Amino acid sequence: MTEILHARAALLDMDGTLVDSTAVVERLWLAWAEPHGIDPETVLRTVHGRQGHQSMAILLPERDHAINLRENEVMLATEASDVDGVIGIPGAEDLLAALEPFPHAVVTSANVALMTARMGQAGLTVPELAVTAENVSASKPDPEGFLLAARTLGIDPADCVVFEDSGAGIQAAHAAGMRVIGIGPHAGAHAPTAHVDDLTHVAVVPTDDGFELRIN
């Protein structure tokens, strides 16, 4: 059965939503966590969807946050230079092409360098508007990034549909007053408005006042 969401703008997360960077994220974060003796499952449950320094603060709550900020800069640089295994999520290229005539943006916890490296490795075009780590003061699950994107596009949050894979991202979308399509096997556990395995299950159909997202 096809589910239809009417929208005037689409806001898209990157990692896990447009690109599959799971292999490199897990490889680098587990290497970071090993000297601290942090349980790998705890690490992987924490890092997806958040800025790195926030993940570090959650995993090492007693540590001076200045250290987290410094180590996050190193992590971002390392991630941007290590794109081995990064690929596009099925349907991502077609979805971005279909959204081209409409207001849309990437809203990611990555910085510009990392976003550019991963989108490029996956062969995807970065939308004209990208809200990155440099543009916000708070990471997902805070809604700041999504609200900034909607405000920049001039679209009411209620008319935006978010594409997200992580619990933190879906929580941020709901907090922004937006509907959200959960992408991938883990998204359904976080109560998205709709849920698909990948982006091949979403079609964009123009309407008089925006577009429909047809989900099957």
N, C-alpha and C. Protein backbone atom coordinates (compact mmCIF):
# COMPACT_ATOMS: atom_id res chain seq x y z
N MET A 1 0.84 -1.19 0.00
CA MET A 1 0.00 0.00 0.00
C MET A 1 0.88 1.25 0.00
N THR A 2 0.57 2.20 -0.89
CA THR A 2 1.36 3.41 -1.01
C THR A 2 0.94 4.45 0.02
N GLU A 3 1.91 5.00 0.73
CA GLU A 3 1.67 6.10 1.67
C GLU A 3 2.12 7.39 1.00
N ILE A 4 1.35 8.45 1.17
CA ILE A 4 1.65 9.72 0.52
C ILE A 4 1.83 10.82 1.55
N LEU A 5 2.95 11.53 1.45
CA LEU A 5 3.21 12.70 2.28
C LEU A 5 3.31 13.92 1.37
N HIS A 6 2.50 14.95 1.63
CA HIS A 6 2.58 16.20 0.88
C HIS A 6 3.66 17.08 1.53
N ALA A 7 4.45 17.74 0.70
CA ALA A 7 5.55 18.56 1.23
C ALA A 7 5.84 19.72 0.31
N ARG A 8 6.53 20.71 0.86
CA ARG A 8 7.04 21.83 0.07
C ARG A 8 8.57 21.87 0.09
N ALA A 9 9.17 21.11 1.02
CA ALA A 9 10.64 21.03 1.08
C ALA A 9 11.04 19.68 1.66
N ALA A 10 12.22 19.21 1.25
CA ALA A 10 12.79 17.97 1.79
C ALA A 10 14.14 18.29 2.41
N LEU A 11 14.36 17.77 3.61
CA LEU A 11 15.63 17.94 4.32
C LEU A 11 16.24 16.57 4.53
N LEU A 12 17.46 16.39 4.07
CA LEU A 12 18.06 15.07 4.02
C LEU A 12 19.33 14.99 4.86
N ASP A 13 19.35 14.05 5.78
CA ASP A 13 20.59 13.69 6.46
C ASP A 13 21.54 13.08 5.43
N MET A 14 22.81 12.96 5.77
CA MET A 14 23.77 12.35 4.84
C MET A 14 24.11 10.92 5.22
N ASP A 15 24.90 10.75 6.29
CA ASP A 15 25.37 9.41 6.65
C ASP A 15 24.20 8.49 7.01
N GLY A 16 24.13 7.36 6.32
CA GLY A 16 23.07 6.39 6.57
C GLY A 16 21.79 6.69 5.83
N THR A 17 21.70 7.89 5.25
CA THR A 17 20.50 8.29 4.53
C THR A 17 20.78 8.45 3.04
N LEU A 18 21.80 9.23 2.70
CA LEU A 18 22.23 9.37 1.31
C LEU A 18 23.46 8.52 1.00
N VAL A 19 24.36 8.40 1.97
CA VAL A 19 25.56 7.59 1.77
C VAL A 19 25.68 6.55 2.87
N ASP A 20 26.20 5.40 2.50
CA ASP A 20 26.49 4.35 3.47
C ASP A 20 27.96 4.45 3.84
N SER A 21 28.21 5.02 5.01
CA SER A 21 29.58 5.19 5.50
C SER A 21 29.82 4.34 6.74
N THR A 22 28.95 3.35 6.94
CA THR A 22 29.00 2.55 8.17
C THR A 22 30.37 1.95 8.42
N ALA A 23 30.98 1.40 7.38
CA ALA A 23 32.25 0.70 7.56
C ALA A 23 33.33 1.62 8.10
N VAL A 24 33.49 2.81 7.51
CA VAL A 24 34.55 3.71 7.95
C VAL A 24 34.22 4.33 9.30
N VAL A 25 32.95 4.68 9.55
CA VAL A 25 32.56 5.25 10.84
C VAL A 25 32.87 4.26 11.96
N GLU A 26 32.46 3.04 11.78
CA GLU A 26 32.66 2.05 12.84
C GLU A 26 34.15 1.74 13.01
N ARG A 27 34.89 1.67 11.92
CA ARG A 27 36.31 1.37 12.00
C ARG A 27 37.06 2.45 12.79
N LEU A 28 36.81 3.70 12.47
CA LEU A 28 37.54 4.78 13.11
C LEU A 28 37.10 5.01 14.55
N TRP A 29 35.80 4.90 14.81
CA TRP A 29 35.32 5.14 16.17
C TRP A 29 35.70 4.01 17.12
N LEU A 30 35.72 2.80 16.65
CA LEU A 30 36.15 1.69 17.52
C LEU A 30 37.64 1.81 17.81
N ALA A 31 38.42 2.29 16.84
CA ALA A 31 39.84 2.50 17.08
C ALA A 31 40.04 3.61 18.12
N TRP A 32 39.20 4.68 18.04
CA TRP A 32 39.29 5.76 19.02
C TRP A 32 38.92 5.26 20.41
N ALA A 33 37.92 4.39 20.51
CA ALA A 33 37.39 3.97 21.81
C ALA A 33 38.25 2.92 22.50
N GLU A 34 39.01 2.17 21.73
CA GLU A 34 39.75 1.03 22.32
C GLU A 34 40.67 1.45 23.47
N PRO A 35 41.48 2.51 23.34
CA PRO A 35 42.36 2.87 24.47
C PRO A 35 41.59 3.28 25.73
N HIS A 36 40.34 3.69 25.56
CA HIS A 36 39.52 4.10 26.70
C HIS A 36 38.76 2.94 27.32
N GLY A 37 38.83 1.77 26.70
CA GLY A 37 38.16 0.60 27.23
C GLY A 37 36.65 0.67 27.16
N ILE A 38 36.12 1.38 26.18
CA ILE A 38 34.67 1.53 26.05
C ILE A 38 34.10 0.37 25.27
N ASP A 39 33.01 -0.18 25.74
CA ASP A 39 32.36 -1.32 25.08
C ASP A 39 31.98 -0.96 23.65
N PRO A 40 32.37 -1.79 22.67
CA PRO A 40 32.07 -1.46 21.26
C PRO A 40 30.59 -1.25 20.98
N GLU A 41 29.73 -2.04 21.58
CA GLU A 41 28.29 -1.87 21.34
C GLU A 41 27.81 -0.51 21.81
N THR A 42 28.34 -0.06 22.95
CA THR A 42 27.98 1.27 23.46
C THR A 42 28.43 2.35 22.49
N VAL A 43 29.63 2.19 21.94
CA VAL A 43 30.16 3.16 20.98
C VAL A 43 29.26 3.25 19.76
N LEU A 44 28.94 2.11 19.17
CA LEU A 44 28.17 2.11 17.93
C LEU A 44 26.74 2.57 18.16
N ARG A 45 26.23 2.37 19.35
CA ARG A 45 24.88 2.84 19.68
C ARG A 45 24.85 4.35 19.85
N THR A 46 26.00 4.95 20.13
CA THR A 46 26.05 6.37 20.48
C THR A 46 26.42 7.28 19.32
N VAL A 47 27.34 6.85 18.46
CA VAL A 47 27.99 7.81 17.55
C VAL A 47 27.16 8.18 16.32
N HIS A 48 26.23 7.35 15.91
CA HIS A 48 25.52 7.62 14.66
C HIS A 48 24.57 8.80 14.82
N GLY A 49 24.69 9.75 13.90
CA GLY A 49 23.77 10.89 13.86
C GLY A 49 24.20 12.10 14.66
N ARG A 50 25.23 11.97 15.47
CA ARG A 50 25.67 13.09 16.32
C ARG A 50 27.00 13.64 15.83
N GLN A 51 27.28 14.90 16.21
CA GLN A 51 28.63 15.42 16.01
C GLN A 51 29.58 14.67 16.93
N GLY A 52 30.82 14.51 16.46
CA GLY A 52 31.77 13.68 17.18
C GLY A 52 32.04 14.13 18.59
N HIS A 53 32.16 15.44 18.81
CA HIS A 53 32.48 15.90 20.17
C HIS A 53 31.35 15.61 21.14
N GLN A 54 30.10 15.59 20.63
CA GLN A 54 28.99 15.25 21.51
C GLN A 54 29.02 13.76 21.86
N SER A 55 29.34 12.93 20.88
CA SER A 55 29.48 11.49 21.16
C SER A 55 30.57 11.25 22.19
N MET A 56 31.70 11.94 22.06
CA MET A 56 32.79 11.79 23.02
C MET A 56 32.35 12.21 24.42
N ALA A 57 31.56 13.29 24.50
CA ALA A 57 31.09 13.76 25.81
C ALA A 57 30.16 12.75 26.46
N ILE A 58 29.36 12.06 25.65
CA ILE A 58 28.47 11.03 26.19
C ILE A 58 29.27 9.81 26.64
N LEU A 59 30.27 9.44 25.85
CA LEU A 59 31.05 8.23 26.15
C LEU A 59 32.06 8.45 27.27
N LEU A 60 32.56 9.69 27.39
CA LEU A 60 33.54 10.02 28.44
C LEU A 60 33.04 11.26 29.19
N PRO A 61 31.99 11.10 29.99
CA PRO A 61 31.32 12.26 30.59
C PRO A 61 32.18 13.06 31.57
N GLU A 62 33.21 12.45 32.12
CA GLU A 62 34.04 13.16 33.11
C GLU A 62 35.19 13.93 32.47
N ARG A 63 35.37 13.77 31.17
CA ARG A 63 36.53 14.37 30.52
C ARG A 63 36.29 15.83 30.16
N ASP A 64 37.34 16.63 30.24
CA ASP A 64 37.29 18.04 29.85
C ASP A 64 36.83 18.13 28.39
N HIS A 65 35.77 18.91 28.16
CA HIS A 65 35.20 18.97 26.81
C HIS A 65 36.16 19.60 25.81
N ALA A 66 37.11 20.39 26.28
CA ALA A 66 38.10 20.96 25.37
C ALA A 66 38.89 19.87 24.66
N ILE A 67 39.13 18.76 25.38
CA ILE A 67 39.83 17.63 24.76
C ILE A 67 38.96 17.02 23.67
N ASN A 68 37.65 16.91 23.95
CA ASN A 68 36.74 16.35 22.95
C ASN A 68 36.74 17.20 21.67
N LEU A 69 36.74 18.51 21.84
CA LEU A 69 36.73 19.39 20.68
C LEU A 69 37.99 19.22 19.85
N ARG A 70 39.14 19.09 20.52
CA ARG A 70 40.40 18.90 19.79
C ARG A 70 40.42 17.55 19.08
N GLU A 71 40.02 16.51 19.79
CA GLU A 71 40.04 15.18 19.19
C GLU A 71 39.01 15.06 18.06
N ASN A 72 37.90 15.79 18.18
CA ASN A 72 36.90 15.75 17.12
C ASN A 72 37.46 16.36 15.83
N GLU A 73 38.27 17.41 15.94
CA GLU A 73 38.88 17.99 14.75
C GLU A 73 39.78 16.97 14.06
N VAL A 74 40.52 16.21 14.86
CA VAL A 74 41.38 15.16 14.30
C VAL A 74 40.52 14.08 13.65
N MET A 75 39.44 13.68 14.33
CA MET A 75 38.56 12.65 13.80
C MET A 75 37.94 13.09 12.48
N LEU A 76 37.47 14.32 12.41
CA LEU A 76 36.87 14.82 11.17
C LEU A 76 37.86 14.79 10.02
N ALA A 77 39.08 15.21 10.28
CA ALA A 77 40.10 15.22 9.23
C ALA A 77 40.41 13.79 8.78
N THR A 78 40.48 12.87 9.74
CA THR A 78 40.75 11.48 9.41
C THR A 78 39.62 10.89 8.58
N GLU A 79 38.38 11.17 9.00
CA GLU A 79 37.22 10.65 8.27
C GLU A 79 37.16 11.20 6.85
N ALA A 80 37.50 12.48 6.68
CA ALA A 80 37.45 13.09 5.36
C ALA A 80 38.49 12.49 4.41
N SER A 81 39.59 12.00 4.98
CA SER A 81 40.65 11.42 4.14
C SER A 81 40.49 9.91 3.96
N ASP A 82 39.56 9.30 4.69
CA ASP A 82 39.35 7.85 4.62
C ASP A 82 37.92 7.60 4.15
N VAL A 83 37.73 7.47 2.85
CA VAL A 83 36.40 7.22 2.30
C VAL A 83 36.28 5.83 1.70
N ASP A 84 37.23 4.97 2.06
CA ASP A 84 37.20 3.60 1.55
C ASP A 84 35.92 2.90 1.99
N GLY A 85 35.16 2.41 1.04
CA GLY A 85 33.93 1.70 1.36
C GLY A 85 32.69 2.57 1.39
N VAL A 86 32.84 3.89 1.22
CA VAL A 86 31.68 4.78 1.22
C VAL A 86 30.96 4.65 -0.12
N ILE A 87 29.66 4.36 -0.09
CA ILE A 87 28.87 4.20 -1.30
C ILE A 87 27.53 4.90 -1.12
N GLY A 88 26.84 5.15 -2.22
CA GLY A 88 25.52 5.76 -2.15
C GLY A 88 24.47 4.77 -1.66
N ILE A 89 23.52 5.26 -0.89
CA ILE A 89 22.36 4.45 -0.53
C ILE A 89 21.54 4.22 -1.80
N PRO A 90 21.04 3.01 -2.03
CA PRO A 90 20.24 2.77 -3.24
C PRO A 90 19.10 3.78 -3.37
N GLY A 91 19.01 4.39 -4.54
CA GLY A 91 17.97 5.37 -4.82
C GLY A 91 18.36 6.80 -4.51
N ALA A 92 19.51 7.03 -3.89
CA ALA A 92 19.88 8.40 -3.48
C ALA A 92 20.07 9.32 -4.67
N GLU A 93 20.77 8.87 -5.69
CA GLU A 93 21.03 9.71 -6.86
C GLU A 93 19.73 10.12 -7.54
N ASP A 94 18.82 9.16 -7.71
CA ASP A 94 17.55 9.45 -8.37
C ASP A 94 16.69 10.38 -7.52
N LEU A 95 16.70 10.20 -6.19
CA LEU A 95 15.91 11.06 -5.32
C LEU A 95 16.42 12.50 -5.39
N LEU A 96 17.72 12.69 -5.31
CA LEU A 96 18.28 14.04 -5.37
C LEU A 96 17.94 14.71 -6.71
N ALA A 97 17.99 13.94 -7.80
CA ALA A 97 17.64 14.50 -9.10
C ALA A 97 16.17 14.90 -9.16
N ALA A 98 15.30 14.07 -8.57
CA ALA A 98 13.87 14.37 -8.58
C ALA A 98 13.54 15.58 -7.72
N LEU A 99 14.33 15.82 -6.67
CA LEU A 99 14.09 16.97 -5.78
C LEU A 99 14.68 18.27 -6.31
N GLU A 100 15.46 18.20 -7.36
CA GLU A 100 16.19 19.38 -7.85
C GLU A 100 15.28 20.59 -8.10
N PRO A 101 14.07 20.42 -8.64
CA PRO A 101 13.23 21.61 -8.88
C PRO A 101 12.61 22.20 -7.61
N PHE A 102 12.73 21.51 -6.48
CA PHE A 102 12.02 21.89 -5.27
C PHE A 102 13.00 22.31 -4.17
N PRO A 103 12.53 23.08 -3.18
CA PRO A 103 13.39 23.42 -2.05
C PRO A 103 13.86 22.15 -1.32
N HIS A 104 15.15 22.01 -1.14
CA HIS A 104 15.67 20.86 -0.41
C HIS A 104 17.07 21.19 0.09
N ALA A 105 17.53 20.43 1.06
CA ALA A 105 18.83 20.69 1.67
C ALA A 105 19.36 19.44 2.33
N VAL A 106 20.67 19.36 2.42
CA VAL A 106 21.32 18.37 3.28
C VAL A 106 21.49 19.00 4.66
N VAL A 107 21.16 18.23 5.69
CA VAL A 107 21.36 18.67 7.07
C VAL A 107 22.16 17.57 7.76
N THR A 108 23.43 17.81 7.97
CA THR A 108 24.33 16.76 8.44
C THR A 108 25.16 17.20 9.63
N SER A 109 25.53 16.23 10.46
CA SER A 109 26.42 16.49 11.58
C SER A 109 27.88 16.56 11.15
N ALA A 110 28.15 16.22 9.88
CA ALA A 110 29.51 16.32 9.34
C ALA A 110 29.86 17.78 9.07
N ASN A 111 31.16 18.07 8.98
CA ASN A 111 31.57 19.40 8.53
C ASN A 111 31.63 19.41 7.00
N VAL A 112 31.92 20.58 6.43
CA VAL A 112 31.89 20.71 4.97
C VAL A 112 32.87 19.76 4.30
N ALA A 113 34.09 19.66 4.84
CA ALA A 113 35.11 18.81 4.22
C ALA A 113 34.67 17.35 4.20
N LEU A 114 34.12 16.88 5.31
CA LEU A 114 33.70 15.48 5.38
C LEU A 114 32.49 15.24 4.49
N MET A 115 31.53 16.16 4.51
CA MET A 115 30.37 16.02 3.63
C MET A 115 30.79 15.95 2.17
N THR A 116 31.69 16.86 1.77
CA THR A 116 32.13 16.91 0.38
C THR A 116 32.85 15.63 -0.01
N ALA A 117 33.69 15.11 0.89
CA ALA A 117 34.44 13.89 0.60
C ALA A 117 33.52 12.69 0.44
N ARG A 118 32.57 12.54 1.35
CA ARG A 118 31.71 11.36 1.29
C ARG A 118 30.70 11.44 0.15
N MET A 119 30.09 12.60 -0.06
CA MET A 119 29.15 12.74 -1.18
C MET A 119 29.89 12.54 -2.50
N GLY A 120 31.10 13.06 -2.61
CA GLY A 120 31.87 12.88 -3.82
C GLY A 120 32.23 11.43 -4.06
N GLN A 121 32.67 10.74 -3.01
CA GLN A 121 33.02 9.33 -3.14
C GLN A 121 31.81 8.51 -3.58
N ALA A 122 30.62 8.89 -3.12
CA ALA A 122 29.40 8.17 -3.47
C ALA A 122 28.83 8.61 -4.82
N GLY A 123 29.44 9.61 -5.45
CA GLY A 123 28.97 10.08 -6.75
C GLY A 123 27.69 10.88 -6.68
N LEU A 124 27.47 11.56 -5.56
CA LEU A 124 26.24 12.33 -5.35
C LEU A 124 26.53 13.82 -5.37
N THR A 125 25.60 14.58 -5.93
CA THR A 125 25.72 16.02 -5.99
C THR A 125 25.20 16.64 -4.70
N VAL A 126 25.99 17.51 -4.09
CA VAL A 126 25.56 18.19 -2.87
C VAL A 126 24.53 19.26 -3.25
N PRO A 127 23.36 19.28 -2.60
CA PRO A 127 22.37 20.32 -2.89
C PRO A 127 22.92 21.72 -2.66
N GLU A 128 22.27 22.71 -3.25
CA GLU A 128 22.72 24.09 -3.13
C GLU A 128 22.80 24.54 -1.67
N LEU A 129 21.85 24.07 -0.85
CA LEU A 129 21.88 24.40 0.58
C LEU A 129 22.34 23.18 1.37
N ALA A 130 23.37 23.36 2.17
CA ALA A 130 23.85 22.32 3.07
C ALA A 130 24.06 22.93 4.44
N VAL A 131 23.38 22.40 5.44
CA VAL A 131 23.58 22.80 6.82
C VAL A 131 24.52 21.79 7.45
N THR A 132 25.70 22.24 7.85
CA THR A 132 26.74 21.35 8.35
C THR A 132 27.10 21.72 9.79
N ALA A 133 28.09 21.01 10.33
CA ALA A 133 28.50 21.24 11.71
C ALA A 133 28.92 22.68 11.95
N GLU A 134 29.45 23.34 10.91
CA GLU A 134 29.91 24.72 11.07
C GLU A 134 28.76 25.70 11.31
N ASN A 135 27.54 25.31 10.94
CA ASN A 135 26.41 26.24 10.95
C ASN A 135 25.57 26.20 12.22
N VAL A 136 25.83 25.25 13.11
CA VAL A 136 24.96 25.08 14.28
C VAL A 136 25.77 25.09 15.56
N SER A 137 25.08 25.40 16.65
CA SER A 137 25.73 25.36 17.96
C SER A 137 25.41 24.09 18.72
N ALA A 138 24.40 23.35 18.26
CA ALA A 138 23.97 22.13 18.95
C ALA A 138 23.76 21.02 17.92
N SER A 139 24.20 19.83 18.27
CA SER A 139 24.09 18.66 17.40
C SER A 139 22.72 18.00 17.55
N LYS A 140 22.32 17.22 16.54
CA LYS A 140 21.17 16.35 16.70
C LYS A 140 21.40 15.50 17.95
N PRO A 141 20.39 15.28 18.77
CA PRO A 141 18.94 15.41 18.55
C PRO A 141 18.35 16.81 18.73
N ASP A 142 19.18 17.83 18.92
CA ASP A 142 18.66 19.19 18.93
C ASP A 142 18.14 19.52 17.52
N PRO A 143 17.00 20.21 17.41
CA PRO A 143 16.41 20.48 16.10
C PRO A 143 17.02 21.67 15.35
N GLU A 144 18.06 22.30 15.90
CA GLU A 144 18.59 23.55 15.34
C GLU A 144 18.89 23.44 13.85
N GLY A 145 19.55 22.38 13.43
CA GLY A 145 19.94 22.25 12.02
C GLY A 145 18.75 22.20 11.09
N PHE A 146 17.73 21.42 11.45
CA PHE A 146 16.55 21.33 10.61
C PHE A 146 15.78 22.65 10.57
N LEU A 147 15.68 23.31 11.71
CA LEU A 147 14.97 24.59 11.75
C LEU A 147 15.72 25.66 10.94
N LEU A 148 17.04 25.64 11.00
CA LEU A 148 17.84 26.58 10.21
C LEU A 148 17.62 26.35 8.73
N ALA A 149 17.61 25.08 8.31
CA ALA A 149 17.40 24.76 6.90
C ALA A 149 16.03 25.24 6.43
N ALA A 150 14.99 24.97 7.22
CA ALA A 150 13.65 25.40 6.84
C ALA A 150 13.57 26.92 6.75
N ARG A 151 14.17 27.59 7.71
CA ARG A 151 14.15 29.07 7.73
C ARG A 151 14.89 29.63 6.51
N THR A 152 16.02 29.04 6.17
CA THR A 152 16.79 29.50 5.02
C THR A 152 16.04 29.28 3.72
N LEU A 153 15.34 28.16 3.63
CA LEU A 153 14.55 27.87 2.43
C LEU A 153 13.25 28.66 2.38
N GLY A 154 12.86 29.25 3.51
CA GLY A 154 11.61 29.99 3.57
C GLY A 154 10.38 29.11 3.61
N ILE A 155 10.52 27.93 4.19
CA ILE A 155 9.43 26.96 4.25
C ILE A 155 9.06 26.69 5.70
N ASP A 156 7.77 26.67 5.99
CA ASP A 156 7.31 26.36 7.34
C ASP A 156 7.75 24.95 7.73
N PRO A 157 8.21 24.73 8.96
CA PRO A 157 8.64 23.38 9.37
C PRO A 157 7.57 22.32 9.13
N ALA A 158 6.31 22.67 9.30
CA ALA A 158 5.24 21.69 9.11
C ALA A 158 5.13 21.22 7.66
N ASP A 159 5.70 22.00 6.72
CA ASP A 159 5.64 21.65 5.31
C ASP A 159 6.92 20.95 4.85
N CYS A 160 7.82 20.67 5.78
CA CYS A 160 9.06 19.97 5.45
C CYS A 160 8.94 18.48 5.80
N VAL A 161 9.56 17.65 4.98
CA VAL A 161 9.70 16.23 5.30
C VAL A 161 11.19 15.92 5.39
N VAL A 162 11.59 15.29 6.47
CA VAL A 162 12.98 14.95 6.73
C VAL A 162 13.23 13.49 6.36
N PHE A 163 14.41 13.22 5.82
CA PHE A 163 14.88 11.85 5.56
C PHE A 163 16.01 11.59 6.55
N GLU A 164 15.86 10.58 7.39
CA GLU A 164 16.83 10.30 8.46
C GLU A 164 16.94 8.81 8.73
N ASP A 165 18.11 8.40 9.23
CA ASP A 165 18.29 6.99 9.58
C ASP A 165 18.51 6.77 11.07
N SER A 166 18.99 7.78 11.80
CA SER A 166 19.40 7.57 13.20
C SER A 166 18.34 8.01 14.18
N GLY A 167 18.40 7.45 15.38
CA GLY A 167 17.49 7.86 16.43
C GLY A 167 17.64 9.33 16.77
N ALA A 168 18.89 9.81 16.84
CA ALA A 168 19.12 11.22 17.15
C ALA A 168 18.53 12.12 16.08
N GLY A 169 18.67 11.73 14.81
CA GLY A 169 18.16 12.54 13.73
C GLY A 169 16.64 12.55 13.67
N ILE A 170 16.02 11.40 13.88
CA ILE A 170 14.57 11.32 13.88
C ILE A 170 14.00 12.12 15.05
N GLN A 171 14.64 12.04 16.20
CA GLN A 171 14.22 12.84 17.36
C GLN A 171 14.32 14.33 17.05
N ALA A 172 15.39 14.74 16.38
CA ALA A 172 15.57 16.14 16.01
C ALA A 172 14.48 16.61 15.06
N ALA A 173 14.13 15.77 14.09
CA ALA A 173 13.09 16.12 13.13
C ALA A 173 11.75 16.31 13.83
N HIS A 174 11.39 15.39 14.70
CA HIS A 174 10.14 15.53 15.44
C HIS A 174 10.14 16.79 16.30
N ALA A 175 11.28 17.06 16.94
CA ALA A 175 11.38 18.25 17.78
C ALA A 175 11.23 19.54 16.97
N ALA A 176 11.58 19.47 15.69
CA ALA A 176 11.44 20.63 14.80
C ALA A 176 10.02 20.77 14.27
N GLY A 177 9.14 19.83 14.60
CA GLY A 177 7.78 19.88 14.12
C GLY A 177 7.63 19.38 12.69
N MET A 178 8.52 18.50 12.30
CA MET A 178 8.55 18.00 10.92
C MET A 178 8.21 16.52 10.87
N ARG A 179 7.64 16.11 9.76
CA ARG A 179 7.45 14.68 9.51
C ARG A 179 8.77 14.08 9.03
N VAL A 180 8.93 12.79 9.24
CA VAL A 180 10.22 12.19 8.93
C VAL A 180 10.04 10.79 8.34
N ILE A 181 10.78 10.55 7.26
CA ILE A 181 10.84 9.22 6.66
C ILE A 181 12.10 8.55 7.18
N GLY A 182 11.93 7.46 7.90
CA GLY A 182 13.07 6.71 8.42
C GLY A 182 13.65 5.82 7.35
N ILE A 183 14.98 5.84 7.21
CA ILE A 183 15.67 5.09 6.17
C ILE A 183 16.52 3.99 6.80
N GLY A 184 16.35 2.75 6.32
CA GLY A 184 17.22 1.67 6.75
C GLY A 184 16.66 0.82 7.86
N PRO A 185 17.37 -0.24 8.20
CA PRO A 185 16.83 -1.28 9.09
C PRO A 185 16.61 -0.84 10.53
N HIS A 186 17.32 0.18 10.99
CA HIS A 186 17.22 0.57 12.40
C HIS A 186 16.27 1.74 12.64
N ALA A 187 15.88 2.43 11.58
CA ALA A 187 15.10 3.66 11.75
C ALA A 187 13.70 3.40 12.29
N GLY A 188 13.13 2.26 11.95
CA GLY A 188 11.77 1.97 12.36
C GLY A 188 11.57 1.92 13.85
N ALA A 189 12.64 1.68 14.60
CA ALA A 189 12.54 1.60 16.06
C ALA A 189 12.38 2.96 16.71
N HIS A 190 12.51 4.04 15.93
CA HIS A 190 12.50 5.39 16.51
C HIS A 190 11.27 6.20 16.12
N ALA A 191 10.21 5.51 15.72
CA ALA A 191 8.90 6.12 15.46
C ALA A 191 8.91 7.20 14.39
N PRO A 192 9.47 6.92 13.21
CA PRO A 192 9.34 7.89 12.11
C PRO A 192 7.90 7.93 11.61
N THR A 193 7.58 8.94 10.84
CA THR A 193 6.25 9.04 10.25
C THR A 193 6.01 7.90 9.27
N ALA A 194 7.03 7.58 8.51
CA ALA A 194 7.01 6.45 7.56
C ALA A 194 8.39 5.82 7.57
N HIS A 195 8.48 4.60 7.05
CA HIS A 195 9.75 3.87 7.12
C HIS A 195 9.96 3.08 5.83
N VAL A 196 11.18 3.15 5.28
CA VAL A 196 11.54 2.38 4.09
C VAL A 196 12.91 1.76 4.28
N ASP A 197 13.18 0.70 3.52
CA ASP A 197 14.49 0.06 3.60
C ASP A 197 15.57 0.91 2.95
N ASP A 198 15.23 1.55 1.83
CA ASP A 198 16.17 2.45 1.16
C ASP A 198 15.37 3.43 0.31
N LEU A 199 16.07 4.29 -0.41
CA LEU A 199 15.42 5.39 -1.11
C LEU A 199 14.77 4.99 -2.42
N THR A 200 14.95 3.74 -2.85
CA THR A 200 14.26 3.28 -4.05
C THR A 200 12.76 3.16 -3.82
N HIS A 201 12.34 3.21 -2.56
CA HIS A 201 10.92 3.07 -2.22
C HIS A 201 10.21 4.42 -2.10
N VAL A 202 10.89 5.51 -2.48
CA VAL A 202 10.30 6.85 -2.40
C VAL A 202 10.30 7.48 -3.79
N ALA A 203 9.14 7.96 -4.23
CA ALA A 203 9.01 8.67 -5.50
C ALA A 203 8.55 10.09 -5.25
N VAL A 204 9.03 11.02 -6.06
CA VAL A 204 8.67 12.44 -5.95
C VAL A 204 7.74 12.79 -7.11
N VAL A 205 6.56 13.29 -6.77
CA VAL A 205 5.56 13.64 -7.78
C VAL A 205 5.16 15.10 -7.60
N PRO A 206 5.37 15.96 -8.60
CA PRO A 206 5.02 17.39 -8.47
C PRO A 206 3.52 17.60 -8.25
N THR A 207 3.19 18.62 -7.48
CA THR A 207 1.80 19.04 -7.28
C THR A 207 1.73 20.55 -7.49
N ASP A 208 0.52 21.11 -7.42
CA ASP A 208 0.36 22.55 -7.65
C ASP A 208 1.05 23.39 -6.58
N ASP A 209 1.17 22.85 -5.36
CA ASP A 209 1.73 23.63 -4.25
C ASP A 209 2.93 22.96 -3.61
N GLY A 210 3.66 22.17 -4.37
CA GLY A 210 4.83 21.49 -3.83
C GLY A 210 5.03 20.15 -4.51
N PHE A 211 5.08 19.11 -3.72
CA PHE A 211 5.26 17.77 -4.27
C PHE A 211 4.73 16.73 -3.29
N GLU A 212 4.49 15.55 -3.83
CA GLU A 212 4.12 14.40 -3.01
C GLU A 212 5.31 13.45 -2.94
N LEU A 213 5.50 12.88 -1.77
CA LEU A 213 6.44 11.78 -1.60
C LEU A 213 5.60 10.51 -1.50
N ARG A 214 5.70 9.67 -2.51
CA ARG A 214 4.94 8.43 -2.54
C ARG A 214 5.83 7.31 -2.06
N ILE A 215 5.42 6.67 -0.97
CA ILE A 215 6.25 5.71 -0.26
C ILE A 215 5.63 4.34 -0.38
N ASN A 216 6.42 3.38 -0.87
CA ASN A 216 5.89 2.01 -0.99
C ASN A 216 6.93 0.98 -0.58
